């Protein structure tokens, strides 16, 4: 084979290789197979607010003492059910009793002196009326009588105080409920000189409790009294409990630079399964939409690349407001932006109020080259 033929064959081969390379790099139009699509369908959406909170009794009363002394008897224990007025403990009252008896004697003595002063005053007053004594004697008798009357009032007050202190040595429950805390034991000395020491805590009616849940400022606008709430606790992970919002407290707190509000949720605890202090994971169904058009929320996050924009129908889109957004559909062989009006979102799907029809498909992401269909 001469050199001329060799050159011809090499040229042909080279031309074929170049043609193959050019054909491989030829721009290929995008098709729906180049994208992951979401179908517009009907369904139900619910926006749920989640929070954590602590289960507490609706009313907890701290029982203390206003007098000091040694604890003689403790008559109740943890978890005991008590009635209003029931005796919980007794303090040593011997000194208090003596003080009460002493003040009672002083009171009776003051009353006797008052009676004597009154008799004297009445006698001198009659003598004065009969002009048998001077006005000075009458005035002295009147002053003595008033002083005796004042001493009676003072002695009565002292007696009432000492009597009350004696009664304080008997510690009673101010409400009917359950003892959830006991801070004293028999023989212990309690001192009430500068503050009232806590002896017991009584939770009133543990069959009805409440959750104090913390809701962020971003979600608090959805929360209204009387809304239903569900919650779970770690102690019973397979059980769902129910409650109702009673109050949204207006005093905010700040946690890690996030403003939080306390929401009170009433719960029924007639089963007594829920205990004070348990942590509740709360879900509140704030808004709900049924039988509405919806698409995947990912469609709102899709942003076309430069290659996709080159294949798009480039019609101008007017400015949109905060209730609107843009999605991308295949329409007549072209990728077309579509303005839609949004509704409720549950973070997975978004309600479509206007702009799309049931059955239409919107782009949610571009397929990777290895995922594209041949």
Protein backbone atom coordinates (compact mmCIF):
# COMPACT_ATOMS: atom_id res chain seq x y z
CA UNK A 1 0.00 0.00 0.00
CA UNK A 2 1.48 3.31 -1.06
CA UNK A 3 1.69 6.36 1.13
CA UNK A 4 -1.11 8.15 -0.71
CA UNK A 5 -3.66 5.46 0.18
CA UNK A 6 -2.49 5.45 3.79
CA UNK A 7 -3.04 9.21 4.01
CA UNK A 8 -6.52 8.88 2.54
CA UNK A 9 -7.53 6.16 5.03
CA UNK A 10 -6.16 8.15 7.99
CA UNK A 11 -8.06 11.21 6.86
CA UNK A 12 -11.31 9.27 6.63
CA UNK A 13 -10.81 7.81 10.13
CA UNK A 14 -10.00 11.24 11.56
CA UNK A 15 -13.12 12.73 9.96
CA UNK A 16 -15.26 9.97 11.46
CA UNK A 17 -13.77 10.55 14.92
CA UNK A 18 -14.36 14.31 14.70
CA UNK A 19 -17.95 13.74 13.53
CA UNK A 20 -18.60 11.41 16.45
CA UNK A 21 -17.17 13.94 18.88
CA UNK A 22 -19.25 16.77 17.42
CA UNK A 23 -22.40 14.63 17.52
CA UNK A 24 -21.73 13.76 21.19
CA UNK A 25 -21.39 17.40 22.17
CA UNK A 26 -24.44 18.55 20.25
CA UNK A 27 -26.90 20.39 22.47
CA UNK A 28 -29.75 18.20 23.52
CA UNK A 29 -33.15 19.65 24.38
CA UNK A 30 -34.37 19.14 27.96
CA UNK A 31 -37.30 16.81 28.52
CA UNK A 32 -39.48 16.00 31.55
CA UNK A 33 -37.20 12.99 32.12
CA UNK A 34 -34.41 15.38 33.08
CA UNK A 35 -36.33 16.44 36.20
CA UNK A 36 -38.05 15.06 39.26
CA UNK A 37 -41.68 16.12 39.06
CA UNK A 38 -44.48 16.55 41.61
CA UNK A 39 -48.11 16.06 40.66
CA UNK A 40 -50.76 18.54 41.74
CA UNK A 41 -53.29 16.54 43.76
CA UNK A 42 -56.07 17.00 46.28
CA UNK A 43 -55.67 16.20 49.94
CA UNK A 44 -55.72 17.53 53.48
CA UNK A 45 -53.16 19.76 55.20
CA UNK A 46 -52.67 20.71 58.81
CA UNK A 47 -50.20 23.18 60.28
CA UNK A 48 -49.08 21.81 63.62
CA UNK A 49 -47.27 23.71 66.35
CA UNK A 50 -45.00 21.53 68.45
CA UNK A 51 -43.63 22.35 71.88
CA UNK A 52 -42.45 20.82 75.12
CA UNK A 53 -43.79 21.56 78.56
CA UNK A 54 -43.98 20.38 82.14
CA UNK A 55 -47.01 18.73 83.70
CA UNK A 56 -48.02 20.39 86.96
CA UNK A 57 -51.01 20.40 89.30
CA UNK A 58 -53.44 23.24 88.60
CA UNK A 59 -53.07 24.49 92.16
CA UNK A 60 -50.29 23.62 94.61
CA UNK A 61 -50.51 25.00 98.15
CA UNK A 62 -47.43 25.42 100.34
CA UNK A 63 -48.17 24.63 103.98
CA UNK A 64 -45.91 26.36 106.50
CA UNK A 65 -45.92 27.49 110.12
CA UNK A 66 -45.91 30.90 111.76
CA UNK A 67 -44.52 29.64 115.06
CA UNK A 68 -41.28 27.92 116.02
CA UNK A 69 -41.01 24.67 117.90
CA UNK A 70 -40.12 21.01 117.91
CA UNK A 71 -42.15 18.70 115.66
CA UNK A 72 -43.98 16.29 117.96
CA UNK A 73 -45.86 14.31 115.34
CA UNK A 74 -46.04 14.03 111.56
CA UNK A 75 -49.40 12.50 110.69
CA UNK A 76 -49.15 12.23 106.87
CA UNK A 77 -46.65 10.98 104.32
CA UNK A 78 -45.90 11.46 100.63
CA UNK A 79 -48.83 10.76 98.26
CA UNK A 80 -51.40 10.73 101.07
CA UNK A 81 -54.79 12.15 100.14
CA UNK A 82 -55.93 14.74 102.67
CA UNK A 83 -59.09 16.74 103.30
CA UNK A 84 -59.40 20.44 103.99
CA UNK A 85 -58.78 21.06 107.71
CA UNK A 86 -57.13 17.67 108.30
CA UNK A 87 -54.25 17.72 110.81
CA UNK A 88 -50.90 17.15 109.07
CA UNK A 89 -48.48 17.65 111.97
CA UNK A 90 -48.26 18.80 115.58
CA UNK A 91 -45.60 21.08 117.08
CA UNK A 92 -44.65 21.18 120.77
CA UNK A 93 -47.22 23.61 122.16
CA UNK A 94 -46.41 23.57 125.89
CA UNK A 95 -44.77 27.02 125.91
CA UNK A 96 -47.43 28.41 123.59
CA UNK A 97 -50.13 27.06 125.87
CA UNK A 98 -48.55 28.69 128.92
CA UNK A 99 -48.31 32.00 127.10
CA UNK A 100 -51.96 31.71 126.12
CA UNK A 101 -53.04 30.95 129.70
CA UNK A 102 -50.92 33.82 131.03
CA UNK A 103 -52.44 36.29 128.56
CA UNK A 104 -55.90 34.92 129.36
CA UNK A 105 -55.31 35.63 133.07
CA UNK A 106 -54.10 39.14 132.24
CA UNK A 107 -57.23 39.65 130.17
CA UNK A 108 -59.49 38.54 133.00
CA UNK A 109 -57.60 40.73 135.48
CA UNK A 110 -57.99 43.72 133.17
CA UNK A 111 -61.72 43.04 132.94
CA UNK A 112 -61.97 42.94 136.75
CA UNK A 113 -60.13 46.26 137.06
CA UNK A 114 -62.38 47.75 134.42
CA UNK A 115 -65.45 46.66 136.38
CA UNK A 116 -64.05 48.14 139.57
CA UNK A 117 -63.16 51.40 137.81
CA UNK A 118 -66.66 51.59 136.37
CA UNK A 119 -68.26 51.08 139.80
CA UNK A 120 -66.03 53.79 141.24
CA UNK A 121 -66.81 56.16 138.37
CA UNK A 122 -70.57 55.58 138.70
CA UNK A 123 -70.44 56.22 142.48
CA UNK A 124 -68.44 59.44 142.17
CA UNK A 125 -70.64 60.60 139.34
CA UNK A 126 -73.72 60.22 141.58
CA UNK A 127 -71.96 62.03 144.44
CA UNK A 128 -71.06 64.85 142.04
CA UNK A 129 -74.67 65.08 140.88
CA UNK A 130 -75.67 65.35 144.58
CA UNK A 131 -72.96 68.01 144.98
CA UNK A 132 -71.13 65.91 147.54
CA UNK A 133 -67.77 65.79 145.68
CA UNK A 134 -65.69 67.98 143.42
CA UNK A 135 -65.50 67.93 139.62
CA UNK A 136 -61.79 67.00 139.91
CA UNK A 137 -62.73 63.75 141.68
CA UNK A 138 -65.20 62.98 138.90
CA UNK A 139 -62.59 63.63 136.20
CA UNK A 140 -60.03 61.39 137.95
CA UNK A 141 -62.57 58.59 138.20
CA UNK A 142 -63.49 58.97 134.53
CA UNK A 143 -59.84 58.83 133.43
CA UNK A 144 -59.23 55.74 135.58
CA UNK A 145 -62.25 54.05 134.01
CA UNK A 146 -61.10 54.82 130.46
CA UNK A 147 -57.60 53.57 131.26
CA UNK A 148 -59.06 50.34 132.60
CA UNK A 149 -61.15 49.93 129.45
CA UNK A 150 -58.07 50.49 127.26
CA UNK A 151 -56.13 47.91 129.27
CA UNK A 152 -58.94 45.43 128.64
CA UNK A 153 -58.65 45.94 124.88
CA UNK A 154 -54.86 45.55 125.04
CA UNK A 155 -55.09 42.42 127.17
CA UNK A 156 -57.74 40.97 124.83
CA UNK A 157 -55.47 41.52 121.82
CA UNK A 158 -52.56 39.81 123.58
CA UNK A 159 -54.82 36.91 124.47
CA UNK A 160 -56.10 36.55 120.89
CA UNK A 161 -52.51 36.55 119.55
CA UNK A 162 -51.33 33.94 122.04
CA UNK A 163 -54.41 31.83 121.36
CA UNK A 164 -53.79 32.01 117.61
CA UNK A 165 -50.14 31.06 118.09
CA UNK A 166 -51.24 28.09 120.15
CA UNK A 167 -53.57 27.03 117.34
CA UNK A 168 -50.74 27.44 114.81
CA UNK A 169 -48.92 24.59 116.56
CA UNK A 170 -51.49 22.30 114.95
CA UNK A 171 -50.64 22.20 111.22
CA UNK A 172 -53.72 21.59 109.07
CA UNK A 173 -54.30 21.34 105.33
CA UNK A 174 -55.91 24.44 103.81
CA UNK A 175 -57.26 22.43 100.83
CA UNK A 176 -58.27 18.91 99.88
CA UNK A 177 -55.64 17.23 97.77
CA UNK A 178 -52.52 15.05 97.74
CA UNK A 179 -49.30 15.53 99.70
CA UNK A 180 -46.53 15.80 97.12
CA UNK A 181 -43.78 17.14 99.37
CA UNK A 182 -42.89 16.64 103.06
CA UNK A 183 -40.02 18.68 104.48
CA UNK A 184 -40.15 17.75 108.18
CA UNK A 185 -39.69 14.71 110.40
CA UNK A 186 -40.62 14.02 114.01
CA UNK A 187 -38.19 15.64 116.46
CA UNK A 188 -37.04 18.28 113.98
CA UNK A 189 -36.97 21.90 115.13
CA UNK A 190 -38.58 24.49 112.88
CA UNK A 191 -37.78 28.17 113.22
CA UNK A 192 -40.17 30.82 111.99
CA UNK A 193 -38.30 33.87 113.21
CA UNK A 194 -37.60 35.60 109.87
CA UNK A 195 -39.55 33.58 107.29
CA UNK A 196 -42.24 30.96 107.10
CA UNK A 197 -40.61 27.53 106.68
CA UNK A 198 -42.21 25.11 104.21
CA UNK A 199 -43.48 21.93 105.87
CA UNK A 200 -45.65 20.35 103.15
CA UNK A 201 -46.85 20.91 99.62
CA UNK A 202 -50.38 19.81 98.84
CA UNK A 203 -51.51 19.46 95.21
CA UNK A 204 -55.19 20.16 94.88
CA UNK A 205 -57.06 17.51 92.82
CA UNK A 206 -54.47 15.58 90.77
CA UNK A 207 -57.26 14.23 88.56
CA UNK A 208 -57.06 17.56 86.72
CA UNK A 209 -53.64 18.90 85.82
CA UNK A 210 -52.07 21.31 83.36
CA UNK A 211 -49.13 21.58 81.00
CA UNK A 212 -47.06 24.74 80.96
CA UNK A 213 -45.77 24.67 77.37
CA UNK A 214 -43.33 27.14 75.80
CA UNK A 215 -44.33 28.41 72.33
CA UNK A 216 -42.03 30.56 70.19
CA UNK A 217 -43.11 34.00 69.01
CA UNK A 218 -43.19 32.69 65.42
CA UNK A 219 -46.03 30.30 66.31
CA UNK A 220 -47.84 32.07 69.14
CA UNK A 221 -50.10 33.93 66.69
CA UNK A 222 -51.74 30.63 65.72
CA UNK A 223 -52.59 29.69 69.31
CA UNK A 224 -56.02 30.49 70.71
CA UNK A 225 -57.88 29.41 73.87
CA UNK A 226 -60.10 26.33 73.52
CA UNK A 227 -57.87 24.78 70.82
CA UNK A 228 -57.35 21.04 71.16
CA UNK A 229 -53.88 19.65 71.88
CA UNK A 230 -52.37 16.18 71.97
CA UNK A 231 -49.23 15.14 73.81
CA UNK A 232 -47.07 12.19 74.77
CA UNK A 233 -44.80 11.51 77.73
CA UNK A 234 -41.71 9.33 77.91
CA UNK A 235 -43.27 7.15 80.58
CA UNK A 236 -45.99 5.99 78.14
CA UNK A 237 -44.50 6.41 74.63
CA UNK A 238 -47.32 4.48 72.92
CA UNK A 239 -50.15 6.45 74.56
CA UNK A 240 -51.58 9.69 73.23
CA UNK A 241 -53.15 12.10 75.71
CA UNK A 242 -55.50 14.99 75.03
CA UNK A 243 -55.93 18.47 76.41
CA UNK A 244 -57.36 21.92 75.72
CA UNK A 245 -55.67 25.32 75.73
CA UNK A 246 -56.93 27.38 78.64
CA UNK A 247 -54.66 30.42 78.63
CA UNK A 248 -51.93 32.18 76.67
CA UNK A 249 -49.81 34.09 79.16
CA UNK A 250 -48.66 37.50 77.98
CA UNK A 251 -45.38 37.64 79.88
CA UNK A 252 -42.55 36.58 77.53
CA UNK A 253 -39.26 34.90 78.33
CA UNK A 254 -36.12 34.74 76.22
CA UNK A 255 -34.33 31.43 75.65
CA UNK A 256 -31.19 31.44 73.46
CA UNK A 257 -32.30 34.75 71.88
CA UNK A 258 -35.74 33.29 71.04
CA UNK A 259 -38.80 34.93 72.60
CA UNK A 260 -41.11 32.32 74.14
CA UNK A 261 -44.61 32.49 75.61
CA UNK A 262 -46.14 30.14 78.17
CA UNK A 263 -49.33 28.39 77.07
CA UNK A 264 -51.45 26.59 79.70
CA UNK A 265 -53.09 23.36 78.54
CA UNK A 266 -55.73 21.72 80.74
CA UNK A 267 -55.60 17.91 80.85
CA UNK A 268 -57.73 15.17 82.36
CA UNK A 269 -55.76 12.90 84.67
CA UNK A 270 -58.57 10.81 86.13
CA UNK A 271 -56.45 7.71 85.42
CA UNK A 272 -53.66 9.18 87.63
CA UNK A 273 -51.08 7.99 85.07
CA UNK A 274 -49.57 11.45 84.66
CA UNK A 275 -47.35 12.67 87.47
CA UNK A 276 -46.23 16.20 88.42
CA UNK A 277 -42.98 17.16 86.75
CA UNK A 278 -43.29 14.91 83.69
CA UNK A 279 -42.13 16.38 80.37
CA UNK A 280 -44.83 16.48 77.71
CA UNK A 281 -44.22 16.66 73.95
CA UNK A 282 -47.17 18.74 72.76
CA UNK A 283 -48.72 19.01 69.30
CA UNK A 284 -51.34 21.66 68.57
CA UNK A 285 -53.24 21.52 65.28
CA UNK A 286 -53.30 25.25 64.62
CA UNK A 287 -54.84 25.30 61.11
CA UNK A 288 -56.39 22.70 58.85
CA UNK A 289 -57.46 22.59 55.18
CA UNK A 290 -59.36 19.62 53.70
CA UNK A 291 -59.85 18.56 50.07
CA UNK A 292 -57.57 21.25 48.63
CA UNK A 293 -55.05 21.27 45.77
CA UNK A 294 -51.47 20.84 46.95
CA UNK A 295 -47.93 20.20 45.74
CA UNK A 296 -44.64 19.29 47.35
CA UNK A 297 -43.05 22.22 49.17
CA UNK A 298 -39.81 21.36 47.35
CA UNK A 299 -41.32 22.87 44.17
CA UNK A 300 -41.05 26.31 45.75
CA UNK A 301 -37.33 25.77 46.42
CA UNK A 302 -36.38 24.82 42.84
CA UNK A 303 -34.22 27.42 41.09
CA UNK A 304 -33.42 26.78 37.40
CA UNK A 305 -29.77 26.56 36.34
CA UNK A 306 -28.29 28.50 33.41
CA UNK A 307 -28.85 25.51 31.10
CA UNK A 308 -32.49 25.26 32.18
CA UNK A 309 -33.02 29.00 31.78
CA UNK A 310 -31.77 28.65 28.19
CA UNK A 311 -34.62 26.23 27.49
CA UNK A 312 -37.29 28.24 29.27
CA UNK A 313 -40.18 30.20 27.92
CA UNK A 314 -38.83 33.63 28.83
CA UNK A 315 -42.12 35.48 29.15
CA UNK A 316 -41.90 38.23 31.76
CA UNK A 317 -43.36 37.62 35.21
CA UNK A 318 -44.77 40.59 37.07
CA UNK A 319 -43.78 41.26 40.66
CA UNK A 320 -45.40 38.86 43.10
CA UNK A 321 -46.64 39.47 46.64
CA UNK A 322 -45.92 37.46 49.79
CA UNK A 323 -48.89 35.14 49.21
CA UNK A 324 -47.55 34.13 45.79
CA UNK A 325 -44.60 32.14 44.51
CA UNK A 326 -43.16 30.75 41.27
CA UNK A 327 -43.07 27.12 40.16
CA UNK A 328 -41.89 25.59 36.88
CA UNK A 329 -43.91 23.31 34.59
CA UNK A 330 -43.47 21.71 31.16
CA UNK A 331 -45.95 23.39 28.85
CA UNK A 332 -46.06 22.75 25.10
CA UNK A 333 -42.54 21.36 25.13
CA UNK A 334 -41.12 24.32 27.03
CA UNK A 335 -40.21 24.89 30.67
CA UNK A 336 -42.57 27.65 31.78
CA UNK A 337 -42.59 29.61 35.05
CA UNK A 338 -46.02 29.76 36.66
CA UNK A 339 -47.19 32.17 39.36
CA UNK A 340 -49.23 30.43 42.04
CA UNK A 341 -51.13 31.69 45.09
CA UNK A 342 -50.16 29.77 48.22
CA UNK A 343 -52.31 28.72 51.12
CA UNK A 344 -51.61 26.58 54.17
CA UNK A 345 -48.33 24.67 54.46
CA UNK A 346 -47.37 21.76 56.69
CA UNK A 347 -43.70 22.12 55.70
CA UNK A 348 -43.99 19.04 53.42
CA UNK A 349 -46.82 20.14 51.13
CA UNK A 350 -48.29 23.51 50.19
CA UNK A 351 -51.90 24.36 49.41
CA UNK A 352 -52.43 25.88 45.96
CA UNK A 353 -55.29 28.37 45.78
CA UNK A 354 -54.65 29.64 42.25
CA UNK A 355 -52.30 28.97 39.34
CA UNK A 356 -52.35 25.18 38.96
CA UNK A 357 -54.87 22.45 38.15
CA UNK A 358 -55.20 18.95 39.50
CA UNK A 359 -52.99 16.50 37.61
CA UNK A 360 -50.43 19.06 36.41
CA UNK A 361 -46.79 18.35 37.13
CA UNK A 362 -44.27 20.82 38.50
CA UNK A 363 -40.49 20.54 38.75
CA UNK A 364 -39.04 19.93 42.22
CA UNK A 365 -35.42 19.17 41.27
CA UNK A 366 -33.14 18.37 38.33
CA UNK A 367 -32.03 14.78 37.82
CA UNK A 368 -28.35 14.01 38.07
CA UNK A 369 -26.86 12.88 34.69
CA UNK A 370 -26.63 9.27 35.90
CA UNK A 371 -30.33 9.35 36.75
CA UNK A 372 -31.52 10.62 33.38
CA UNK A 373 -33.40 8.18 31.20
CA UNK A 374 -31.82 7.33 27.81
